[in-house]
Amino acid sequence: MSERHRVETALRTELEEFFHRNDCSLPANLVEATAFLTIRQLLVETDMVAALPELIGASGPRLTALLISLDLVGAWVGLTRTAGRRLSPASEAMTQSLITIAHSMHAPTAHTD
């Protein structure tokens, strides 16, 4: 995908910031995919590395987790939707549940003295 047509995601931004904080340049040959089966196949068949949730990396017998702390990466959850398309009732319910949970996690706490 060309730089001109690239869509920003929270995870991409977090990974770019991680590389910057650690004085590392981004890899020259980036491959971005959202389908885990595609990512897994690329990892198994090539010499690529990927930023994955720890449980996913540990679940594959043909995958090896690297002991690198990606501090603060993955702290955000994003939702990608198709422009001009309505969500199904199930997708809408899930979206509302995620929003409700997110608000409850960041709700202001009452301080008592």
Foldseek 3Di string as FASTA:
>chain_A
DDPVPDDDDPLVVLVCVLCVVVVHDDDPDDDDDDDVVVVVVCVQPHVDDDDDPPVVQVPDPSHDDDPDDSPPRPPDDDDDDDPPDDDDPVVVVVVVVVVVVVCVVVPDDDDDD
